[in-house]
Structures are given as C-alpha cells and as structure tokens.
Amino acid sequence: MNGEIISGLTIGRLCLYIAVMAAVTYLIRMVPFTLFRKEIRSPFFRSFLAYVPYAVLGAMTFPSIFYATSSLPSAIAGTVVALALAFFRRSLLTVALGASGAALAVELIVTYLL
C-alpha cells in the first residue's frame, strides 16, 4: 500500500487537498469583511446579498439530485414531489421523506415491472 488511502491518493496529498480547501473557504468568508467595512446602505445590493446563500445552495444541490439515483425517472419523480411539497409549505422532514419515497417507488417500478 505504501501509505495510499485510495488508488493514487496518499496521505500527504490528502492533507494538501484539505489545506487548500480550508484556505479557499477561509478566503471566501473573510474577503467580504475586508472589502466592506462600512454598513451597506443600498437596498438593491442588500436584497441581492440576501439571496446569495439560497442561490449558491441551489446551484450546488440541484445538479446532484439527478445523479443520486440509478435512473433519471426516479430522480425526476423525487424532484417533482419535493418541489410540490415545498410549494405547499410542508416541513423539511415531510419534503425529504416524500421525495425519497417517490424516488424509491419509481425506482422499484422501473427495476421490477419494466
């Protein structure tokens, strides 16, 4: 093995990856504090900044939804159910369980009936 964790990934390289990601995360969080020392008074810019966390979370999460299952129809079914339940303001647990159940049901139908 010679210190390899996964094929081609050594402990030293893993530590380097973690250090780089820590630095990038730190910079992303600290740059706004250094650039904007005064309070932001522009209503447009304040509302723009208020939606940034939601946009980033959506951009990171939404593409991975379609690769979480073994078939595209089950991923689409889970997404549709999650969006419908969220639209009707159900709790996060209800949305997650409903989407998972829909994806599982479609996955079973695709696997065993088709």
PDB file of N, CA and C in Angstrom:
ATOM      1  N   MET A   1       0.820  -1.193   0.000  1.00  0.00           N
ATOM      2  CA  MET A   1       0.000   0.000   0.000  1.00  0.00           C
ATOM      3  C   MET A   1       0.867   1.261   0.000  1.00  0.00           C
ATOM      4  N   ASN A   2       1.945   1.305   0.732  1.00  0.00           N
ATOM      5  CA  ASN A   2       2.859   2.449   0.778  1.00  0.00           C
ATOM      6  C   ASN A   2       2.162   3.758   1.129  1.00  0.00           C
ATOM      7  N   GLY A   3       1.281   3.733   2.096  1.00  0.00           N
ATOM      8  CA  GLY A   3       0.621   4.951   2.561  1.00  0.00           C
ATOM      9  C   GLY A   3      -0.514   5.425   1.684  1.00  0.00           C
ATOM     10  N   GLU A   4      -0.969   4.614   0.733  1.00  0.00           N
ATOM     11  CA  GLU A   4      -2.072   5.023  -0.118  1.00  0.00           C
ATOM     12  C   GLU A   4      -3.410   4.717   0.544  1.00  0.00           C
ATOM     13  N   ILE A   5      -4.298   5.685   0.517  1.00  0.00           N
ATOM     14  CA  ILE A   5      -5.635   5.510   1.062  1.00  0.00           C
ATOM     15  C   ILE A   5      -6.536   4.938  -0.031  1.00  0.00           C
ATOM     16  N   ILE A   6      -6.589   5.626  -1.139  1.00  0.00           N
ATOM     17  CA  ILE A   6      -7.322   5.194  -2.326  1.00  0.00           C
ATOM     18  C   ILE A   6      -6.303   5.202  -3.456  1.00  0.00           C
ATOM     19  N   SER A   7      -6.566   4.462  -4.472  1.00  0.00           N
ATOM     20  CA  SER A   7      -5.633   4.349  -5.581  1.00  0.00           C
ATOM     21  C   SER A   7      -5.117   5.719  -6.026  1.00  0.00           C
ATOM     22  N   GLY A   8      -3.833   5.955  -5.827  1.00  0.00           N
ATOM     23  CA  GLY A   8      -3.197   7.198  -6.244  1.00  0.00           C
ATOM     24  C   GLY A   8      -3.295   8.341  -5.253  1.00  0.00           C
ATOM     25  N   LEU A   9      -4.022   8.182  -4.155  1.00  0.00           N
ATOM     26  CA  LEU A   9      -4.190   9.249  -3.177  1.00  0.00           C
ATOM     27  C   LEU A   9      -3.406   8.905  -1.921  1.00  0.00           C
ATOM     28  N   THR A  10      -2.340   9.646  -1.685  1.00  0.00           N
ATOM     29  CA  THR A  10      -1.525   9.406  -0.497  1.00  0.00           C
ATOM     30  C   THR A  10      -1.998  10.312   0.634  1.00  0.00           C
ATOM     31  N   ILE A  11      -1.532  10.039   1.826  1.00  0.00           N
ATOM     32  CA  ILE A  11      -1.912  10.848   2.983  1.00  0.00           C
ATOM     33  C   ILE A  11      -1.409  12.277   2.828  1.00  0.00           C
ATOM     34  N   GLY A  12      -0.216  12.441   2.281  1.00  0.00           N
ATOM     35  CA  GLY A  12       0.328  13.780   2.062  1.00  0.00           C
ATOM     36  C   GLY A  12      -0.514  14.586   1.095  1.00  0.00           C
ATOM     37  N   ARG A  13      -0.934  13.941   0.004  1.00  0.00           N
ATOM     38  CA  ARG A  13      -1.768  14.623  -0.983  1.00  0.00           C
ATOM     39  C   ARG A  13      -3.145  14.946  -0.381  1.00  0.00           C
ATOM     40  N   LEU A  14      -3.701  14.042   0.412  1.00  0.00           N
ATOM     41  CA  LEU A  14      -4.980  14.289   1.073  1.00  0.00           C
ATOM     42  C   LEU A  14      -4.878  15.494   2.009  1.00  0.00           C
ATOM     43  N   CYS A  15      -3.805  15.576   2.781  1.00  0.00           N
ATOM     44  CA  CYS A  15      -3.591  16.724   3.672  1.00  0.00           C
ATOM     45  C   CYS A  15      -3.463  18.017   2.881  1.00  0.00           C
ATOM     46  N   LEU A  16      -2.783  17.967   1.730  1.00  0.00           N
ATOM     47  CA  LEU A  16      -2.659  19.140   0.876  1.00  0.00           C
ATOM     48  C   LEU A  16      -4.027  19.583   0.368  1.00  0.00           C
ATOM     49  N   TYR A  17      -4.863  18.633  -0.071  1.00  0.00           N
ATOM     50  CA  TYR A  17      -6.206  18.960  -0.544  1.00  0.00           C
ATOM     51  C   TYR A  17      -7.032  19.602   0.560  1.00  0.00           C
ATOM     52  N   ILE A  18      -6.956  19.067   1.751  1.00  0.00           N
ATOM     53  CA  ILE A  18      -7.714  19.615   2.873  1.00  0.00           C
ATOM     54  C   ILE A  18      -7.235  21.022   3.218  1.00  0.00           C
ATOM     55  N   ALA A  19      -5.918  21.248   3.189  1.00  0.00           N
ATOM     56  CA  ALA A  19      -5.367  22.573   3.488  1.00  0.00           C
ATOM     57  C   ALA A  19      -5.803  23.595   2.436  1.00  0.00           C
ATOM     58  N   VAL A  20      -5.784  23.214   1.164  1.00  0.00           N
ATOM     59  CA  VAL A  20      -6.207  24.136   0.108  1.00  0.00           C
ATOM     60  C   VAL A  20      -7.691  24.475   0.262  1.00  0.00           C
ATOM     61  N   MET A  21      -8.521  23.476   0.536  1.00  0.00           N
ATOM     62  CA  MET A  21      -9.941  23.741   0.709  1.00  0.00           C
ATOM     63  C   MET A  21     -10.206  24.607   1.947  1.00  0.00           C
ATOM     64  N   ALA A  22      -9.444  24.406   3.006  1.00  0.00           N
ATOM     65  CA  ALA A  22      -9.587  25.241   4.198  1.00  0.00           C
ATOM     66  C   ALA A  22      -9.230  26.697   3.879  1.00  0.00           C
ATOM     67  N   ALA A  23      -8.156  26.895   3.113  1.00  0.00           N
ATOM     68  CA  ALA A  23      -7.746  28.251   2.742  1.00  0.00           C
ATOM     69  C   ALA A  23      -8.790  28.920   1.851  1.00  0.00           C
ATOM     70  N   VAL A  24      -9.302  28.185   0.885  1.00  0.00           N
ATOM     71  CA  VAL A  24     -10.319  28.745  -0.008  1.00  0.00           C
ATOM     72  C   VAL A  24     -11.576  29.102   0.781  1.00  0.00           C
ATOM     73  N   THR A  25     -12.008  28.225   1.664  1.00  0.00           N
ATOM     74  CA  THR A  25     -13.196  28.500   2.477  1.00  0.00           C
ATOM     75  C   THR A  25     -12.978  29.719   3.361  1.00  0.00           C
ATOM     76  N   TYR A  26     -11.805  29.823   3.960  1.00  0.00           N
ATOM     77  CA  TYR A  26     -11.488  30.968   4.810  1.00  0.00           C
ATOM     78  C   TYR A  26     -11.498  32.268   4.005  1.00  0.00           C
ATOM     79  N   LEU A  27     -10.889  32.245   2.812  1.00  0.00           N
ATOM     80  CA  LEU A  27     -10.847  33.449   1.990  1.00  0.00           C
ATOM     81  C   LEU A  27     -12.240  33.882   1.554  1.00  0.00           C
ATOM     82  N   ILE A  28     -13.073  32.927   1.179  1.00  0.00           N
ATOM     83  CA  ILE A  28     -14.429  33.267   0.755  1.00  0.00           C
ATOM     84  C   ILE A  28     -15.201  33.937   1.883  1.00  0.00           C
ATOM     85  N   ARG A  29     -14.955  33.508   3.095  1.00  0.00           N
ATOM     86  CA  ARG A  29     -15.678  34.096   4.230  1.00  0.00           C
ATOM     87  C   ARG A  29     -15.070  35.419   4.689  1.00  0.00           C
ATOM     88  N   MET A  30     -13.786  35.620   4.509  1.00  0.00           N
ATOM     89  CA  MET A  30     -13.134  36.806   5.041  1.00  0.00           C
ATOM     90  C   MET A  30     -13.029  37.969   4.052  1.00  0.00           C
ATOM     91  N   VAL A  31     -13.029  37.708   2.756  1.00  0.00           N
ATOM     92  CA  VAL A  31     -12.890  38.790   1.780  1.00  0.00           C
ATOM     93  C   VAL A  31     -14.016  39.817   1.900  1.00  0.00           C
ATOM     94  N   PRO A  32     -15.285  39.413   2.046  1.00  0.00           N
ATOM     95  CA  PRO A  32     -16.320  40.452   2.204  1.00  0.00           C
ATOM     96  C   PRO A  32     -16.113  41.343   3.427  1.00  0.00           C
ATOM     97  N   PHE A  33     -15.594  40.782   4.506  1.00  0.00           N
ATOM     98  CA  PHE A  33     -15.355  41.605   5.700  1.00  0.00           C
ATOM     99  C   PHE A  33     -14.252  42.625   5.467  1.00  0.00           C
ATOM    100  N   THR A  34     -13.267  42.280   4.665  1.00  0.00           N
ATOM    101  CA  THR A  34     -12.181  43.221   4.407  1.00  0.00           C
ATOM    102  C   THR A  34     -12.565  44.254   3.354  1.00  0.00           C
ATOM    103  N   LEU A  35     -13.429  43.888   2.399  1.00  0.00           N
ATOM    104  CA  LEU A  35     -13.822  44.823   1.352  1.00  0.00           C
ATOM    105  C   LEU A  35     -14.915  45.787   1.805  1.00  0.00           C
ATOM    106  N   PHE A  36     -15.859  45.308   2.595  1.00  0.00           N
ATOM    107  CA  PHE A  36     -16.992  46.123   3.017  1.00  0.00           C
ATOM    108  C   PHE A  36     -16.898  46.387   4.509  1.00  0.00           C
ATOM    109  N   ARG A  37     -16.173  47.438   4.866  1.00  0.00           N
ATOM    110  CA  ARG A  37     -16.004  47.759   6.287  1.00  0.00           C
ATOM    111  C   ARG A  37     -17.191  48.554   6.828  1.00  0.00           C
ATOM    112  N   LYS A  38     -17.830  49.339   5.970  1.00  0.00           N
ATOM    113  CA  LYS A  38     -18.984  50.118   6.406  1.00  0.00           C
ATOM    114  C   LYS A  38     -20.263  49.340   6.120  1.00  0.00           C
ATOM    115  N   GLU A  39     -21.340  49.767   6.750  1.00  0.00           N
ATOM    116  CA  GLU A  39     -22.633  49.124   6.524  1.00  0.00           C
ATOM    117  C   GLU A  39     -23.098  49.382   5.092  1.00  0.00           C
ATOM    118  N   ILE A  40     -23.660  48.365   4.460  1.00  0.00           N
ATOM    119  CA  ILE A  40     -24.172  48.503   3.100  1.00  0.00           C
ATOM    120  C   ILE A  40     -25.564  49.111   3.187  1.00  0.00           C
ATOM    121  N   ARG A  41     -25.740  50.269   2.540  1.00  0.00           N
ATOM    122  CA  ARG A  41     -26.995  51.003   2.659  1.00  0.00           C
ATOM    123  C   ARG A  41     -27.892  50.859   1.432  1.00  0.00           C
ATOM    124  N   SER A  42     -27.352  50.432   0.314  1.00  0.00           N
ATOM    125  CA  SER A  42     -28.140  50.307  -0.903  1.00  0.00           C
ATOM    126  C   SER A  42     -29.171  49.186  -0.760  1.00  0.00           C
ATOM    127  N   PRO A  43     -30.464  49.505  -0.901  1.00  0.00           N
ATOM    128  CA  PRO A  43     -31.491  48.458  -0.781  1.00  0.00           C
ATOM    129  C   PRO A  43     -31.341  47.367  -1.842  1.00  0.00           C
ATOM    130  N   PHE A  44     -30.948  47.768  -3.057  1.00  0.00           N
ATOM    131  CA  PHE A  44     -30.764  46.786  -4.122  1.00  0.00           C
ATOM    132  C   PHE A  44     -29.647  45.813  -3.778  1.00  0.00           C
ATOM    133  N   PHE A  45     -28.516  46.338  -3.358  1.00  0.00           N
ATOM    134  CA  PHE A  45     -27.368  45.480  -3.039  1.00  0.00           C
ATOM    135  C   PHE A  45     -27.639  44.622  -1.810  1.00  0.00           C
ATOM    136  N   ARG A  46     -28.346  45.179  -0.829  1.00  0.00           N
ATOM    137  CA  ARG A  46     -28.695  44.393   0.368  1.00  0.00           C
ATOM    138  C   ARG A  46     -29.623  43.235   0.014  1.00  0.00           C
ATOM    139  N   SER A  47     -30.614  43.497  -0.848  1.00  0.00           N
ATOM    140  CA  SER A  47     -31.520  42.415  -1.241  1.00  0.00           C
ATOM    141  C   SER A  47     -30.791  41.398  -2.111  1.00  0.00           C
ATOM    142  N   PHE A  48     -29.857  41.857  -2.943  1.00  0.00           N
ATOM    143  CA  PHE A  48     -29.056  40.943  -3.746  1.00  0.00           C
ATOM    144  C   PHE A  48     -28.247  40.018  -2.838  1.00  0.00           C
ATOM    145  N   LEU A  49     -27.603  40.566  -1.845  1.00  0.00           N
ATOM    146  CA  LEU A  49     -26.793  39.758  -0.926  1.00  0.00           C
ATOM    147  C   LEU A  49     -27.656  38.832  -0.070  1.00  0.00           C
ATOM    148  N   ALA A  50     -28.898  39.195   0.162  1.00  0.00           N
ATOM    149  CA  ALA A  50     -29.772  38.343   0.972  1.00  0.00           C
ATOM    150  C   ALA A  50     -30.091  37.038   0.252  1.00  0.00           C
ATOM    151  N   TYR A  51     -30.116  37.042  -1.084  1.00  0.00           N
ATOM    152  CA  TYR A  51     -30.462  35.845  -1.845  1.00  0.00           C
ATOM    153  C   TYR A  51     -29.251  35.012  -2.257  1.00  0.00           C
ATOM    154  N   VAL A  52     -28.050  35.492  -2.051  1.00  0.00           N
ATOM    155  CA  VAL A  52     -26.853  34.756  -2.462  1.00  0.00           C
ATOM    156  C   VAL A  52     -26.745  33.380  -1.802  1.00  0.00           C
ATOM    157  N   PRO A  53     -26.968  33.235  -0.496  1.00  0.00           N
ATOM    158  CA  PRO A  53     -26.859  31.885   0.093  1.00  0.00           C
ATOM    159  C   PRO A  53     -27.832  30.887  -0.524  1.00  0.00           C
ATOM    160  N   TYR A  54     -29.053  31.311  -0.819  1.00  0.00           N
ATOM    161  CA  TYR A  54     -30.033  30.410  -1.418  1.00  0.00           C
ATOM    162  C   TYR A  54     -29.626  30.028  -2.837  1.00  0.00           C
ATOM    163  N   ALA A  55     -29.117  30.990  -3.585  1.00  0.00           N
ATOM    164  CA  ALA A  55     -28.695  30.708  -4.954  1.00  0.00           C
ATOM    165  C   ALA A  55     -27.505  29.753  -4.986  1.00  0.00           C
ATOM    166  N   VAL A  56     -26.555  29.964  -4.094  1.00  0.00           N
ATOM    167  CA  VAL A  56     -25.386  29.088  -4.045  1.00  0.00           C
ATOM    168  C   VAL A  56     -25.786  27.683  -3.612  1.00  0.00           C
ATOM    169  N   LEU A  57     -26.631  27.586  -2.614  1.00  0.00           N
ATOM    170  CA  LEU A  57     -27.086  26.273  -2.162  1.00  0.00           C
ATOM    171  C   LEU A  57     -27.845  25.547  -3.266  1.00  0.00           C
ATOM    172  N   GLY A  58     -28.692  26.254  -3.968  1.00  0.00           N
ATOM    173  CA  GLY A  58     -29.418  25.651  -5.080  1.00  0.00           C
ATOM    174  C   GLY A  58     -28.499  25.211  -6.203  1.00  0.00           C
ATOM    175  N   ALA A  59     -27.519  26.038  -6.528  1.00  0.00           N
ATOM    176  CA  ALA A  59     -26.575  25.689  -7.593  1.00  0.00           C
ATOM    177  C   ALA A  59     -25.721  24.484  -7.222  1.00  0.00           C
ATOM    178  N   MET A  60     -25.442  24.312  -5.943  1.00  0.00           N
ATOM    179  CA  MET A  60     -24.645  23.161  -5.512  1.00  0.00           C
ATOM    180  C   MET A  60     -25.496  21.901  -5.389  1.00  0.00           C
ATOM    181  N   THR A  61     -26.729  22.042  -4.987  1.00  0.00           N
ATOM    182  CA  THR A  61     -27.572  20.887  -4.686  1.00  0.00           C
ATOM    183  C   THR A  61     -28.327  20.364  -5.896  1.00  0.00           C
ATOM    184  N   PHE A  62     -28.910  21.237  -6.682  1.00  0.00           N
ATOM    185  CA  PHE A  62     -29.828  20.817  -7.724  1.00  0.00           C
ATOM    186  C   PHE A  62     -29.199  19.871  -8.751  1.00  0.00           C
ATOM    187  N   PRO A  63     -28.005  20.122  -9.270  1.00  0.00           N
ATOM    188  CA  PRO A  63     -27.446  19.165 -10.244  1.00  0.00           C
ATOM    189  C   PRO A  63     -27.200  17.769  -9.665  1.00  0.00           C
ATOM    190  N   SER A  64     -26.849  17.689  -8.408  1.00  0.00           N
ATOM    191  CA  SER A  64     -26.563  16.376  -7.818  1.00  0.00           C
ATOM    192  C   SER A  64     -27.824  15.561  -7.582  1.00  0.00           C
ATOM    193  N   ILE A  65     -28.984  16.196  -7.602  1.00  0.00           N
ATOM    194  CA  ILE A  65     -30.245  15.468  -7.436  1.00  0.00           C
ATOM    195  C   ILE A  65     -30.396  14.422  -8.536  1.00  0.00           C
ATOM    196  N   PHE A  66     -30.015  14.763  -9.740  1.00  0.00           N
ATOM    197  CA  PHE A  66     -30.232  13.881 -10.877  1.00  0.00           C
ATOM    198  C   PHE A  66     -29.220  12.748 -10.966  1.00  0.00           C
ATOM    199  N   TYR A  67     -28.184  12.780 -10.137  1.00  0.00           N
ATOM    200  CA  TYR A  67     -27.212  11.689 -10.107  1.00  0.00           C
ATOM    201  C   TYR A  67     -27.320  10.870  -8.822  1.00  0.00           C
ATOM    202  N   ALA A  68     -28.278  11.168  -7.979  1.00  0.00           N
ATOM    203  CA  ALA A  68     -28.399  10.493  -6.688  1.00  0.00           C
ATOM    204  C   ALA A  68     -29.049   9.120  -6.800  1.00  0.00           C
ATOM    205  N   THR A  69     -29.780   8.902  -7.866  1.00  0.00           N
ATOM    206  CA  THR A  69     -30.431   7.605  -8.053  1.00  0.00           C
ATOM    207  C   THR A  69     -29.827   6.925  -9.273  1.00  0.00           C
ATOM    208  N   SER A  70     -30.234   5.685  -9.492  1.00  0.00           N
ATOM    209  CA  SER A  70     -29.663   4.955 -10.618  1.00  0.00           C
ATOM    210  C   SER A  70     -30.422   5.187 -11.919  1.00  0.00           C
ATOM    211  N   SER A  71     -31.549   5.888 -11.863  1.00  0.00           N
ATOM    212  CA  SER A  71     -32.288   6.173 -13.095  1.00  0.00           C
ATOM    213  C   SER A  71     -32.819   7.597 -13.071  1.00  0.00           C
ATOM    214  N   LEU A  72     -32.896   8.188 -14.227  1.00  0.00           N
ATOM    215  CA  LEU A  72     -33.375   9.570 -14.350  1.00  0.00           C
ATOM    216  C   LEU A  72     -34.858   9.701 -13.986  1.00  0.00           C
ATOM    217  N   PRO A  73     -35.732   8.753 -14.366  1.00  0.00           N
ATOM    218  CA  PRO A  73     -37.152   8.905 -13.983  1.00  0.00           C
ATOM    219  C   PRO A  73     -37.367   8.973 -12.464  1.00  0.00           C
ATOM    220  N   SER A  74     -36.634   8.184 -11.698  1.00  0.00           N
ATOM    221  CA  SER A  74     -36.802   8.248 -10.240  1.00  0.00           C
ATOM    222  C   SER A  74     -36.301   9.565  -9.676  1.00  0.00           C
ATOM    223  N   ALA A  75     -35.238  10.106 -10.257  1.00  0.00           N
ATOM    224  CA  ALA A  75     -34.732  11.409  -9.809  1.00  0.00           C
ATOM    225  C   ALA A  75     -35.729  12.518 -10.121  1.00  0.00           C
ATOM    226  N   ILE A  76     -36.333  12.442 -11.295  1.00  0.00           N
ATOM    227  CA  ILE A  76     -37.326  13.449 -11.678  1.00  0.00           C
ATOM    228  C   ILE A  76     -38.554  13.345 -10.778  1.00  0.00           C
ATOM    229  N   ALA A  77     -39.003  12.125 -10.492  1.00  0.00           N
ATOM    230  CA  ALA A  77     -40.164  11.938  -9.614  1.00  0.00           C
ATOM    231  C   ALA A  77     -39.890  12.498  -8.223  1.00  0.00           C
ATOM    232  N   GLY A  78     -38.726  12.214  -7.669  1.00  0.00           N
ATOM    233  CA  GLY A  78     -38.376  12.745  -6.357  1.00  0.00           C
ATOM    234  C   GLY A  78     -38.313  14.257  -6.354  1.00  0.00           C
ATOM    235  N   THR A  79     -37.772  14.837  -7.420  1.00  0.00           N
ATOM    236  CA  THR A  79     -37.673  16.292  -7.520  1.00  0.00           C
ATOM    237  C   THR A  79     -39.057  16.929  -7.610  1.00  0.00           C
ATOM    238  N   VAL A  80     -39.921  16.363  -8.422  1.00  0.00           N
ATOM    239  CA  VAL A  80     -41.270  16.910  -8.586  1.00  0.00           C
ATOM    240  C   VAL A  80     -42.038  16.849  -7.267  1.00  0.00           C
ATOM    241  N   VAL A  81     -41.947  15.724  -6.576  1.00  0.00           N
ATOM    242  CA  VAL A  81     -42.642  15.588  -5.290  1.00  0.00           C
ATOM    243  C   VAL A  81     -42.065  16.574  -4.268  1.00  0.00           C
ATOM    244  N   ALA A  82     -40.748  16.713  -4.230  1.00  0.00           N
ATOM    245  CA  ALA A  82     -40.127  17.650  -3.293  1.00  0.00           C
ATOM    246  C   ALA A  82     -40.558  19.083  -3.580  1.00  0.00           C
ATOM    247  N   LEU A  83     -40.566  19.473  -4.841  1.00  0.00           N
ATOM    248  CA  LEU A  83     -40.980  20.834  -5.188  1.00  0.00           C
ATOM    249  C   LEU A  83     -42.454  21.064  -4.858  1.00  0.00           C
ATOM    250  N   ALA A  84     -43.301  20.058  -5.112  1.00  0.00           N
ATOM    251  CA  ALA A  84     -44.728  20.211  -4.803  1.00  0.00           C
ATOM    252  C   ALA A  84     -44.952  20.330  -3.297  1.00  0.00           C
ATOM    253  N   LEU A  85     -44.305  19.482  -2.522  1.00  0.00           N
ATOM    254  CA  LEU A  85     -44.473  19.558  -1.065  1.00  0.00           C
ATOM    255  C   LEU A  85     -43.908  20.860  -0.501  1.00  0.00           C
ATOM    256  N   ALA A  86     -42.789  21.309  -1.036  1.00  0.00           N
ATOM    257  CA  ALA A  86     -42.210  22.576  -0.581  1.00  0.00           C
ATOM    258  C   ALA A  86     -43.112  23.752  -0.963  1.00  0.00           C
ATOM    259  N   PHE A  87     -43.726  23.670  -2.138  1.00  0.00           N
ATOM    260  CA  PHE A  87     -44.641  24.730  -2.568  1.00  0.00           C
ATOM    261  C   PHE A  87     -45.813  24.859  -1.602  1.00  0.00           C
ATOM    262  N   PHE A  88     -46.298  23.736  -1.093  1.00  0.00           N
ATOM    263  CA  PHE A  88     -47.410  23.763  -0.142  1.00  0.00           C
ATOM    264  C   PHE A  88     -46.936  23.917   1.303  1.00  0.00           C
ATOM    265  N   ARG A  89     -45.676  24.305   1.469  1.00  0.00           N
ATOM    266  CA  ARG A  89     -45.085  24.659   2.765  1.00  0.00           C
ATOM    267  C   ARG A  89     -45.138  23.532   3.793  1.00  0.00           C
ATOM    268  N   ARG A  90     -44.823  22.339   3.343  1.00  0.00           N
ATOM    269  CA  ARG A  90     -44.713  21.218   4.278  1.00  0.00           C
ATOM    270  C   ARG A  90     -43.358  21.295   4.974  1.00  0.00           C
ATOM    271  N   SER A  91     -43.213  20.562   6.059  1.00  0.00           N
ATOM    272  CA  SER A  91     -41.964  20.609   6.820  1.00  0.00           C
ATOM    273  C   SER A  91     -40.830  19.963   6.030  1.00  0.00           C
ATOM    274  N   LEU A  92     -39.616  20.258   6.434  1.00  0.00           N
ATOM    275  CA  LEU A  92     -38.441  19.714   5.754  1.00  0.00           C
ATOM    276  C   LEU A  92     -38.423  18.192   5.813  1.00  0.00           C
ATOM    277  N   LEU A  93     -38.809  17.636   6.959  1.00  0.00           N
ATOM    278  CA  LEU A  93     -38.846  16.184   7.093  1.00  0.00           C
ATOM    279  C   LEU A  93     -39.877  15.573   6.149  1.00  0.00           C
ATOM    280  N   THR A  94     -41.027  16.205   6.024  1.00  0.00           N
ATOM    281  CA  THR A  94     -42.061  15.712   5.115  1.00  0.00           C
ATOM    282  C   THR A  94     -41.590  15.779   3.666  1.00  0.00           C
ATOM    283  N   VAL A  95     -40.938  16.862   3.295  1.00  0.00           N
ATOM    284  CA  VAL A  95     -40.422  17.010   1.934  1.00  0.00           C
ATOM    285  C   VAL A  95     -39.369  15.940   1.652  1.00  0.00           C
ATOM    286  N   ALA A  96     -38.442  15.749   2.578  1.00  0.00           N
ATOM    287  CA  ALA A  96     -37.378  14.763   2.369  1.00  0.00           C
ATOM    288  C   ALA A  96     -37.933  13.354   2.286  1.00  0.00           C
ATOM    289  N   LEU A  97     -38.845  13.006   3.190  1.00  0.00           N
ATOM    290  CA  LEU A  97     -39.428  11.660   3.167  1.00  0.00           C
ATOM    291  C   LEU A  97     -40.300  11.444   1.930  1.00  0.00           C
ATOM    292  N   GLY A  98     -41.064  12.444   1.554  1.00  0.00           N
ATOM    293  CA  GLY A  98     -41.901  12.326   0.361  1.00  0.00           C
ATOM    294  C   GLY A  98     -41.079  12.161  -0.905  1.00  0.00           C
ATOM    295  N   ALA A  99     -40.024  12.959  -1.045  1.00  0.00           N
ATOM    296  CA  ALA A  99     -39.170  12.862  -2.218  1.00  0.00           C
ATOM    297  C   ALA A  99     -38.440  11.523  -2.264  1.00  0.00           C
ATOM    298  N   SER A 100     -37.955  11.079  -1.118  1.00  0.00           N
ATOM    299  CA  SER A 100     -37.266   9.789  -1.064  1.00  0.00           C
ATOM    300  C   SER A 100     -38.216   8.648  -1.375  1.00  0.00           C
ATOM    301  N   GLY A 101     -39.429   8.720  -0.834  1.00  0.00           N
ATOM    302  CA  GLY A 101     -40.420   7.685  -1.104  1.00  0.00           C
ATOM    303  C   GLY A 101     -40.819   7.634  -2.571  1.00  0.00           C
ATOM    304  N   ALA A 102     -40.995   8.800  -3.184  1.00  0.00           N
ATOM    305  CA  ALA A 102     -41.355   8.844  -4.605  1.00  0.00           C
ATOM    306  C   ALA A 102     -40.221   8.289  -5.467  1.00  0.00           C
ATOM    307  N   ALA A 103     -38.997   8.676  -5.145  1.00  0.00           N
ATOM    308  CA  ALA A 103     -37.849   8.165  -5.907  1.00  0.00           C
ATOM    309  C   ALA A 103     -37.721   6.657  -5.742  1.00  0.00           C
ATOM    310  N   LEU A 104     -37.925   6.159  -4.533  1.00  0.00           N
ATOM    311  CA  LEU A 104     -37.856   4.717  -4.286  1.00  0.00           C
ATOM    312  C   LEU A 104     -38.961   3.978  -5.028  1.00  0.00           C
ATOM    313  N   ALA A 105     -40.166   4.510  -4.988  1.00  0.00           N
ATOM    314  CA  ALA A 105     -41.287   3.857  -5.669  1.00  0.00           C
ATOM    315  C   ALA A 105     -41.048   3.769  -7.172  1.00  0.00           C
ATOM    316  N   VAL A 106     -40.606   4.855  -7.772  1.00  0.00           N
ATOM    317  CA  VAL A 106     -40.342   4.846  -9.214  1.00  0.00           C
ATOM    318  C   VAL A 106     -39.168   3.932  -9.529  1.00  0.00           C
ATOM    319  N   GLU A 107     -38.157   3.926  -8.676  1.00  0.00           N
ATOM    320  CA  GLU A 107     -37.005   3.044  -8.875  1.00  0.00           C
ATOM    321  C   GLU A 107     -37.444   1.575  -8.844  1.00  0.00           C
ATOM    322  N   LEU A 108     -38.310   1.221  -7.901  1.00  0.00           N
ATOM    323  CA  LEU A 108     -38.803  -0.154  -7.828  1.00  0.00           C
ATOM    324  C   LEU A 108     -39.656  -0.500  -9.044  1.00  0.00           C
ATOM    325  N   ILE A 109     -40.478   0.431  -9.474  1.00  0.00           N
ATOM    326  CA  ILE A 109     -41.301   0.192 -10.663  1.00  0.00           C
ATOM    327  C   ILE A 109     -40.426  -0.004 -11.899  1.00  0.00           C
ATOM    328  N   VAL A 110     -39.439   0.840 -12.068  1.00  0.00           N
ATOM    329  CA  VAL A 110     -38.548   0.740 -13.232  1.00  0.00           C
ATOM    330  C   VAL A 110     -37.758  -0.570 -13.172  1.00  0.00           C
ATOM    331  N   THR A 111     -37.319  -0.954 -11.999  1.00  0.00           N
ATOM    332  CA  THR A 111     -36.474  -2.147 -11.864  1.00  0.00           C
ATOM    333  C   THR A 111     -37.267  -3.440 -12.041  1.00  0.00           C
ATOM    334  N   TYR A 112     -38.408  -3.534 -11.388  1.00  0.00           N
ATOM    335  CA  TYR A 112     -39.115  -4.827 -11.336  1.00  0.00           C
ATOM    336  C   TYR A 112     -40.269  -4.964 -12.321  1.00  0.00           C
ATOM    337  N   LEU A 113     -40.868  -3.885 -12.749  1.00  0.00           N
ATOM    338  CA  LEU A 113     -42.031  -4.010 -13.615  1.00  0.00           C
ATOM    339  C   LEU A 113     -41.725  -3.724 -15.074  1.00  0.00           C
ATOM    340  N   LEU A 114     -40.697  -2.990 -15.353  1.00  0.00           N
ATOM    341  CA  LEU A 114     -40.394  -2.651 -16.747  1.00  0.00           C
ATOM    342  C   LEU A 114     -39.220  -3.403 -17.298  1.00  0.00           C
TER     343      LEU A 114
END
